């Protein structure tokens, strides 16, 4: 398949997390221009150093996406560097684990700010450019928790249900502009965040590199075929 992603400009949030790193490396091999953001600048600098040899361009910007002022600074920095982007990958997320009685409104607000509000803000910021060009991709990294509920994760599950609803609405809104909004919903992943799921066996979790390859394949399809909602689980032969 022709590499239509070569030299596409991609913004990845949460780029220093286990899945974010895997996505960045996969898209770097496809010669995308990458703009990576996360809170920790030192980890972004290390990732950029690792990717410079294989990607045409790697830019970084550290930001706390729960804060509106830093979201606006991120948009400003992206536009000053790339003018606009072709692909937005909302990968940043937080996974609070606590019973409802132990959860706080502050934790609820922080989770929704990162898991839902930030994707909304960035979609609102960059979708108009994609619509003008009649080409673009928005990928929202959801979770199997968007389709179910699990104990001690009420805040997280609620946020992923909300993100799925946002993805579904934007998919319908963008389809006539040839802009594709894709919701990718993996089960538990072998990342530091995944280790918080202590009621499951970590060895059975998905490899982030496999998810990254599936994501790259999905956004590279440019025919009439689309899978707007992708659920990824581990295939085990019993």
C-alpha atoms as a PDB file:
ATOM      1  CA  UNK A   1       0.000   0.000   0.000  1.00  0.00           C
ATOM      2  CA  UNK A   2       1.281   3.445  -0.922  1.00  0.00           C
ATOM      3  CA  UNK A   3       2.542   5.409   2.054  1.00  0.00           C
ATOM      4  CA  UNK A   4       0.102   8.332   2.027  1.00  0.00           C
ATOM      5  CA  UNK A   5       1.303   9.386   5.478  1.00  0.00           C
ATOM      6  CA  UNK A   6       4.753  10.475   4.304  1.00  0.00           C
ATOM      7  CA  UNK A   7       5.354  14.123   5.266  1.00  0.00           C
ATOM      8  CA  UNK A   8       1.953  14.475   6.903  1.00  0.00           C
ATOM      9  CA  UNK A   9       2.039  16.769   9.934  1.00  0.00           C
ATOM     10  CA  UNK A  10       0.958  14.971  13.097  1.00  0.00           C
ATOM     11  CA  UNK A  11       0.222  16.249  16.593  1.00  0.00           C
ATOM     12  CA  UNK A  12       0.406  13.571  19.301  1.00  0.00           C
ATOM     13  CA  UNK A  13      -0.608  14.337  22.875  1.00  0.00           C
ATOM     14  CA  UNK A  14       0.638  12.187  25.734  1.00  0.00           C
ATOM     15  CA  UNK A  15       3.608  11.391  23.522  1.00  0.00           C
ATOM     16  CA  UNK A  16       5.866  10.268  26.356  1.00  0.00           C
ATOM     17  CA  UNK A  17       3.524   7.545  27.641  1.00  0.00           C
ATOM     18  CA  UNK A  18       3.879   3.909  26.672  1.00  0.00           C
ATOM     19  CA  UNK A  19       1.334   4.060  23.857  1.00  0.00           C
ATOM     20  CA  UNK A  20       2.280   7.597  22.820  1.00  0.00           C
ATOM     21  CA  UNK A  21       5.917   6.588  22.368  1.00  0.00           C
ATOM     22  CA  UNK A  22       4.919   3.561  20.297  1.00  0.00           C
ATOM     23  CA  UNK A  23       2.692   5.688  18.057  1.00  0.00           C
ATOM     24  CA  UNK A  24       5.398   8.318  17.600  1.00  0.00           C
ATOM     25  CA  UNK A  25       7.976   5.697  16.631  1.00  0.00           C
ATOM     26  CA  UNK A  26       5.603   3.999  14.195  1.00  0.00           C
ATOM     27  CA  UNK A  27       4.680   7.243  12.458  1.00  0.00           C
ATOM     28  CA  UNK A  28       8.312   8.315  12.391  1.00  0.00           C
ATOM     29  CA  UNK A  29       9.136   5.206  10.349  1.00  0.00           C
ATOM     30  CA  UNK A  30       6.413   6.332   7.911  1.00  0.00           C
ATOM     31  CA  UNK A  31       8.221   9.675   7.533  1.00  0.00           C
ATOM     32  CA  UNK A  32       5.632  11.840   9.240  1.00  0.00           C
ATOM     33  CA  UNK A  33       6.509  15.273  10.592  1.00  0.00           C
ATOM     34  CA  UNK A  34       5.828  14.982  14.310  1.00  0.00           C
ATOM     35  CA  UNK A  35       4.795  17.495  16.932  1.00  0.00           C
ATOM     36  CA  UNK A  36       4.922  15.821  20.336  1.00  0.00           C
ATOM     37  CA  UNK A  37       3.504  17.126  23.569  1.00  0.00           C
ATOM     38  CA  UNK A  38       3.380  15.913  27.169  1.00  0.00           C
ATOM     39  CA  UNK A  39       3.976  17.359  30.623  1.00  0.00           C
ATOM     40  CA  UNK A  40       7.528  16.088  31.121  1.00  0.00           C
ATOM     41  CA  UNK A  41       9.953  17.962  28.896  1.00  0.00           C
ATOM     42  CA  UNK A  42      13.000  15.803  29.616  1.00  0.00           C
ATOM     43  CA  UNK A  43      11.242  12.656  28.426  1.00  0.00           C
ATOM     44  CA  UNK A  44      10.070  14.494  25.311  1.00  0.00           C
ATOM     45  CA  UNK A  45      13.621  15.600  24.592  1.00  0.00           C
ATOM     46  CA  UNK A  46      14.869  12.022  24.884  1.00  0.00           C
ATOM     47  CA  UNK A  47      12.108  10.747  22.589  1.00  0.00           C
ATOM     48  CA  UNK A  48      12.829  13.468  20.035  1.00  0.00           C
ATOM     49  CA  UNK A  49      16.502  12.543  20.109  1.00  0.00           C
ATOM     50  CA  UNK A  50      15.614   8.912  19.423  1.00  0.00           C
ATOM     51  CA  UNK A  51      13.342   9.846  16.506  1.00  0.00           C
ATOM     52  CA  UNK A  52      15.402  12.487  14.713  1.00  0.00           C
ATOM     53  CA  UNK A  53      17.269   9.924  12.610  1.00  0.00           C
ATOM     54  CA  UNK A  54      14.105   8.400  11.142  1.00  0.00           C
ATOM     55  CA  UNK A  55      11.562  11.240  11.051  1.00  0.00           C
ATOM     56  CA  UNK A  56      11.847  14.247   8.700  1.00  0.00           C
ATOM     57  CA  UNK A  57      11.014  16.584  11.591  1.00  0.00           C
ATOM     58  CA  UNK A  58      10.315  16.262  15.294  1.00  0.00           C
ATOM     59  CA  UNK A  59       9.141  19.196  17.399  1.00  0.00           C
ATOM     60  CA  UNK A  60       8.258  19.106  21.093  1.00  0.00           C
ATOM     61  CA  UNK A  61       6.351  21.265  23.535  1.00  0.00           C
ATOM     62  CA  UNK A  62       5.726  20.499  27.191  1.00  0.00           C
ATOM     63  CA  UNK A  63       2.267  21.441  28.417  1.00  0.00           C
ATOM     64  CA  UNK A  64      -0.311  20.572  31.036  1.00  0.00           C
ATOM     65  CA  UNK A  65      -3.394  19.991  28.895  1.00  0.00           C
ATOM     66  CA  UNK A  66      -5.736  20.273  31.867  1.00  0.00           C
ATOM     67  CA  UNK A  67      -5.066  24.031  31.806  1.00  0.00           C
ATOM     68  CA  UNK A  68      -6.755  26.165  29.161  1.00  0.00           C
ATOM     69  CA  UNK A  69      -3.897  28.659  28.975  1.00  0.00           C
ATOM     70  CA  UNK A  70      -1.443  25.869  28.145  1.00  0.00           C
ATOM     71  CA  UNK A  71      -3.802  24.384  25.558  1.00  0.00           C
ATOM     72  CA  UNK A  72      -3.855  27.779  23.874  1.00  0.00           C
ATOM     73  CA  UNK A  73      -0.069  27.996  24.053  1.00  0.00           C
ATOM     74  CA  UNK A  74       0.180  24.566  22.460  1.00  0.00           C
ATOM     75  CA  UNK A  75      -2.102  25.600  19.606  1.00  0.00           C
ATOM     76  CA  UNK A  76      -0.042  28.761  19.116  1.00  0.00           C
ATOM     77  CA  UNK A  77       3.230  26.811  19.071  1.00  0.00           C
ATOM     78  CA  UNK A  78       1.891  24.230  16.609  1.00  0.00           C
ATOM     79  CA  UNK A  79       0.706  26.962  14.256  1.00  0.00           C
ATOM     80  CA  UNK A  80       3.980  28.853  14.449  1.00  0.00           C
ATOM     81  CA  UNK A  81       5.839  25.644  13.583  1.00  0.00           C
ATOM     82  CA  UNK A  82       3.567  23.733  11.191  1.00  0.00           C
ATOM     83  CA  UNK A  83       0.878  26.358  10.428  1.00  0.00           C
ATOM     84  CA  UNK A  84      -1.652  23.525  10.533  1.00  0.00           C
ATOM     85  CA  UNK A  85      -1.718  19.775  11.045  1.00  0.00           C
ATOM     86  CA  UNK A  86      -3.054  16.887   8.993  1.00  0.00           C
ATOM     87  CA  UNK A  87      -3.492  14.355  11.787  1.00  0.00           C
ATOM     88  CA  UNK A  88      -4.424  14.851  15.426  1.00  0.00           C
ATOM     89  CA  UNK A  89      -3.921  11.955  17.817  1.00  0.00           C
ATOM     90  CA  UNK A  90      -5.454  12.529  21.246  1.00  0.00           C
ATOM     91  CA  UNK A  91      -3.503  10.014  23.304  1.00  0.00           C
ATOM     92  CA  UNK A  92      -3.006  11.862  26.602  1.00  0.00           C
ATOM     93  CA  UNK A  93      -5.001  10.416  29.447  1.00  0.00           C
ATOM     94  CA  UNK A  94      -5.167   9.770  33.147  1.00  0.00           C
ATOM     95  CA  UNK A  95      -6.454   6.644  34.889  1.00  0.00           C
ATOM     96  CA  UNK A  96      -7.735   7.332  38.407  1.00  0.00           C
ATOM     97  CA  UNK A  97      -8.465   4.199  40.415  1.00  0.00           C
ATOM     98  CA  UNK A  98     -10.656   4.603  43.499  1.00  0.00           C
ATOM     99  CA  UNK A  99     -14.045   3.628  44.794  1.00  0.00           C
ATOM    100  CA  UNK A 100     -16.816   6.184  44.417  1.00  0.00           C
ATOM    101  CA  UNK A 101     -16.691   6.909  48.145  1.00  0.00           C
ATOM    102  CA  UNK A 102     -12.969   7.665  47.962  1.00  0.00           C
ATOM    103  CA  UNK A 103     -13.109   9.637  44.708  1.00  0.00           C
ATOM    104  CA  UNK A 104     -13.123  13.424  44.815  1.00  0.00           C
ATOM    105  CA  UNK A 105     -14.620  16.120  42.636  1.00  0.00           C
ATOM    106  CA  UNK A 106     -11.094  17.426  42.047  1.00  0.00           C
ATOM    107  CA  UNK A 107     -10.082  14.033  40.607  1.00  0.00           C
ATOM    108  CA  UNK A 108     -13.229  13.995  38.486  1.00  0.00           C
ATOM    109  CA  UNK A 109     -12.524  17.463  37.081  1.00  0.00           C
ATOM    110  CA  UNK A 110      -8.850  16.665  36.400  1.00  0.00           C
ATOM    111  CA  UNK A 111      -9.719  13.427  34.610  1.00  0.00           C
ATOM    112  CA  UNK A 112     -12.373  14.995  32.401  1.00  0.00           C
ATOM    113  CA  UNK A 113     -10.126  17.972  31.684  1.00  0.00           C
ATOM    114  CA  UNK A 114      -7.441  15.725  30.196  1.00  0.00           C
ATOM    115  CA  UNK A 115      -9.457  12.798  28.825  1.00  0.00           C
ATOM    116  CA  UNK A 116     -12.325  14.780  27.285  1.00  0.00           C
ATOM    117  CA  UNK A 117     -11.889  18.552  27.386  1.00  0.00           C
ATOM    118  CA  UNK A 118      -8.414  18.583  25.827  1.00  0.00           C
ATOM    119  CA  UNK A 119      -9.480  16.419  22.833  1.00  0.00           C
ATOM    120  CA  UNK A 120     -12.504  18.704  22.390  1.00  0.00           C
ATOM    121  CA  UNK A 121     -10.325  21.833  22.454  1.00  0.00           C
ATOM    122  CA  UNK A 122      -7.746  20.485  20.020  1.00  0.00           C
ATOM    123  CA  UNK A 123     -10.388  19.114  17.667  1.00  0.00           C
ATOM    124  CA  UNK A 124     -12.121  22.486  17.661  1.00  0.00           C
ATOM    125  CA  UNK A 125      -8.783  24.199  17.006  1.00  0.00           C
ATOM    126  CA  UNK A 126      -7.547  22.081  14.096  1.00  0.00           C
ATOM    127  CA  UNK A 127     -10.578  20.515  12.417  1.00  0.00           C
ATOM    128  CA  UNK A 128     -11.498  23.684  10.470  1.00  0.00           C
ATOM    129  CA  UNK A 129      -8.128  23.561   8.657  1.00  0.00           C
ATOM    130  CA  UNK A 130      -8.703  19.908   7.765  1.00  0.00           C
ATOM    131  CA  UNK A 131     -12.181  20.746   6.482  1.00  0.00           C
ATOM    132  CA  UNK A 132     -10.768  23.495   4.286  1.00  0.00           C
ATOM    133  CA  UNK A 133      -8.230  21.087   2.768  1.00  0.00           C
ATOM    134  CA  UNK A 134     -10.842  18.312   2.513  1.00  0.00           C
ATOM    135  CA  UNK A 135      -8.460  15.856   4.181  1.00  0.00           C
ATOM    136  CA  UNK A 136      -7.585  15.039   7.748  1.00  0.00           C
ATOM    137  CA  UNK A 137      -7.594  12.520  10.568  1.00  0.00           C
ATOM    138  CA  UNK A 138      -8.545  12.802  14.219  1.00  0.00           C
ATOM    139  CA  UNK A 139      -7.817   9.734  16.325  1.00  0.00           C
ATOM    140  CA  UNK A 140      -9.181   9.592  19.846  1.00  0.00           C
ATOM    141  CA  UNK A 141      -7.603   6.927  22.012  1.00  0.00           C
ATOM    142  CA  UNK A 142     -10.446   5.527  24.045  1.00  0.00           C
ATOM    143  CA  UNK A 143     -10.674   2.316  25.998  1.00  0.00           C
ATOM    144  CA  UNK A 144     -12.681  -0.853  26.416  1.00  0.00           C
ATOM    145  CA  UNK A 145     -14.056   1.096  29.394  1.00  0.00           C
ATOM    146  CA  UNK A 146     -15.997   3.207  26.886  1.00  0.00           C
ATOM    147  CA  UNK A 147     -18.313   0.240  26.373  1.00  0.00           C
ATOM    148  CA  UNK A 148     -18.560  -1.143  29.878  1.00  0.00           C
ATOM    149  CA  UNK A 149     -18.031  -0.325  33.525  1.00  0.00           C
ATOM    150  CA  UNK A 150     -15.550  -1.644  36.065  1.00  0.00           C
ATOM    151  CA  UNK A 151     -15.378  -1.262  39.807  1.00  0.00           C
ATOM    152  CA  UNK A 152     -13.216   1.467  41.293  1.00  0.00           C
ATOM    153  CA  UNK A 153     -12.938   3.261  37.948  1.00  0.00           C
ATOM    154  CA  UNK A 154     -16.170   5.229  37.773  1.00  0.00           C
ATOM    155  CA  UNK A 155     -14.454   8.497  36.869  1.00  0.00           C
ATOM    156  CA  UNK A 156     -12.293   6.901  34.180  1.00  0.00           C
ATOM    157  CA  UNK A 157     -15.148   4.905  32.654  1.00  0.00           C
ATOM    158  CA  UNK A 158     -17.347   7.994  32.569  1.00  0.00           C
ATOM    159  CA  UNK A 159     -14.615   9.985  30.797  1.00  0.00           C
ATOM    160  CA  UNK A 160     -14.092   7.304  28.149  1.00  0.00           C
ATOM    161  CA  UNK A 161     -17.829   7.020  27.545  1.00  0.00           C
ATOM    162  CA  UNK A 162     -17.816  10.799  27.024  1.00  0.00           C
ATOM    163  CA  UNK A 163     -14.856  10.636  24.637  1.00  0.00           C
ATOM    164  CA  UNK A 164     -16.612   7.948  22.605  1.00  0.00           C
ATOM    165  CA  UNK A 165     -19.697  10.168  22.376  1.00  0.00           C
ATOM    166  CA  UNK A 166     -17.534  13.065  21.205  1.00  0.00           C
ATOM    167  CA  UNK A 167     -15.898  10.840  18.584  1.00  0.00           C
ATOM    168  CA  UNK A 168     -19.237   9.592  17.285  1.00  0.00           C
ATOM    169  CA  UNK A 169     -20.628  13.109  16.967  1.00  0.00           C
ATOM    170  CA  UNK A 170     -17.512  14.476  15.222  1.00  0.00           C
ATOM    171  CA  UNK A 171     -17.463  11.501  12.854  1.00  0.00           C
ATOM    172  CA  UNK A 172     -20.917  12.445  11.615  1.00  0.00           C
ATOM    173  CA  UNK A 173     -20.089  16.144  11.520  1.00  0.00           C
ATOM    174  CA  UNK A 174     -16.874  15.729   9.497  1.00  0.00           C
ATOM    175  CA  UNK A 175     -17.770  12.995   7.023  1.00  0.00           C
ATOM    176  CA  UNK A 176     -18.910  15.356   4.237  1.00  0.00           C
ATOM    177  CA  UNK A 177     -15.558  17.156   4.457  1.00  0.00           C
ATOM    178  CA  UNK A 178     -13.538  13.960   3.894  1.00  0.00           C
ATOM    179  CA  UNK A 179     -12.135  14.290   7.407  1.00  0.00           C
ATOM    180  CA  UNK A 180     -12.119  11.018   9.301  1.00  0.00           C
ATOM    181  CA  UNK A 181     -12.639  10.796  13.041  1.00  0.00           C
ATOM    182  CA  UNK A 182     -11.616   7.399  14.385  1.00  0.00           C
ATOM    183  CA  UNK A 183     -12.111   6.069  17.904  1.00  0.00           C
ATOM    184  CA  UNK A 184      -9.584   3.397  18.874  1.00  0.00           C
ATOM    185  CA  UNK A 185     -10.531   1.523  22.024  1.00  0.00           C
ATOM    186  CA  UNK A 186      -7.958  -0.972  23.289  1.00  0.00           C
ATOM    187  CA  UNK A 187      -8.192  -3.239  26.268  1.00  0.00           C
ATOM    188  CA  UNK A 188      -5.543  -3.019  28.964  1.00  0.00           C
ATOM    189  CA  UNK A 189      -2.080  -2.160  27.632  1.00  0.00           C
ATOM    190  CA  UNK A 190       1.409  -3.078  28.810  1.00  0.00           C
ATOM    191  CA  UNK A 191       2.300   0.418  30.010  1.00  0.00           C
ATOM    192  CA  UNK A 192       2.968   2.088  33.351  1.00  0.00           C
ATOM    193  CA  UNK A 193      -0.652   3.200  33.388  1.00  0.00           C
ATOM    194  CA  UNK A 194      -1.741  -0.366  32.741  1.00  0.00           C
ATOM    195  CA  UNK A 195       0.069  -1.531  35.865  1.00  0.00           C
ATOM    196  CA  UNK A 196      -2.558   0.273  37.934  1.00  0.00           C
ATOM    197  CA  UNK A 197      -5.032  -2.468  36.955  1.00  0.00           C
ATOM    198  CA  UNK A 198      -3.889  -4.764  39.725  1.00  0.00           C
ATOM    199  CA  UNK A 199      -6.966  -6.995  39.432  1.00  0.00           C
ATOM    200  CA  UNK A 200      -5.743  -8.289  36.049  1.00  0.00           C
ATOM    201  CA  UNK A 201      -2.718 -10.242  34.855  1.00  0.00           C
ATOM    202  CA  UNK A 202      -0.270  -7.772  33.278  1.00  0.00           C
ATOM    203  CA  UNK A 203       1.241 -10.424  30.995  1.00  0.00           C
ATOM    204  CA  UNK A 204      -2.099 -10.750  29.193  1.00  0.00           C
ATOM    205  CA  UNK A 205      -2.251  -7.063  28.263  1.00  0.00           C
ATOM    206  CA  UNK A 206      -1.860  -5.692  24.734  1.00  0.00           C
ATOM    207  CA  UNK A 207       1.501  -4.589  23.384  1.00  0.00           C
ATOM    208  CA  UNK A 208       1.527  -0.835  22.623  1.00  0.00           C
ATOM    209  CA  UNK A 209       3.567  -1.442  19.471  1.00  0.00           C
ATOM    210  CA  UNK A 210       0.780  -3.617  18.039  1.00  0.00           C
ATOM    211  CA  UNK A 211      -1.786  -0.916  18.717  1.00  0.00           C
ATOM    212  CA  UNK A 212       0.454   1.690  17.065  1.00  0.00           C
ATOM    213  CA  UNK A 213       0.742  -0.429  13.906  1.00  0.00           C
ATOM    214  CA  UNK A 214      -3.032  -0.903  13.794  1.00  0.00           C
ATOM    215  CA  UNK A 215      -3.551   2.837  14.221  1.00  0.00           C
ATOM    216  CA  UNK A 216      -1.117   3.681  11.429  1.00  0.00           C
ATOM    217  CA  UNK A 217      -2.802   1.188   9.106  1.00  0.00           C
ATOM    218  CA  UNK A 218      -6.231   2.632   9.914  1.00  0.00           C
ATOM    219  CA  UNK A 219      -5.362   6.263   9.214  1.00  0.00           C
ATOM    220  CA  UNK A 220      -3.487   5.340   6.024  1.00  0.00           C
ATOM    221  CA  UNK A 221      -6.585   3.931   4.332  1.00  0.00           C
ATOM    222  CA  UNK A 222      -7.826   6.581   1.919  1.00  0.00           C
ATOM    223  CA  UNK A 223     -10.561   4.739   0.070  1.00  0.00           C
ATOM    224  CA  UNK A 224     -14.255   4.672   0.950  1.00  0.00           C
ATOM    225  CA  UNK A 225     -13.519   2.074   3.645  1.00  0.00           C
ATOM    226  CA  UNK A 226     -13.469   3.238   7.247  1.00  0.00           C
ATOM    227  CA  UNK A 227     -13.814   1.679  10.657  1.00  0.00           C
ATOM    228  CA  UNK A 228     -14.913   4.619  12.753  1.00  0.00           C
ATOM    229  CA  UNK A 229     -14.871   2.635  16.000  1.00  0.00           C
ATOM    230  CA  UNK A 230     -12.142   0.085  16.577  1.00  0.00           C
ATOM    231  CA  UNK A 231     -12.108  -2.216  19.598  1.00  0.00           C
ATOM    232  CA  UNK A 232      -8.809  -3.958  20.199  1.00  0.00           C
ATOM    233  CA  UNK A 233      -8.470  -6.992  22.428  1.00  0.00           C
ATOM    234  CA  UNK A 234      -5.959  -9.764  22.902  1.00  0.00           C
ATOM    235  CA  UNK A 235      -6.633 -12.843  20.753  1.00  0.00           C
ATOM    236  CA  UNK A 236      -5.953 -15.935  22.820  1.00  0.00           C
ATOM    237  CA  UNK A 237      -6.252 -19.470  21.490  1.00  0.00           C
ATOM    238  CA  UNK A 238      -7.870 -21.530  24.231  1.00  0.00           C
END
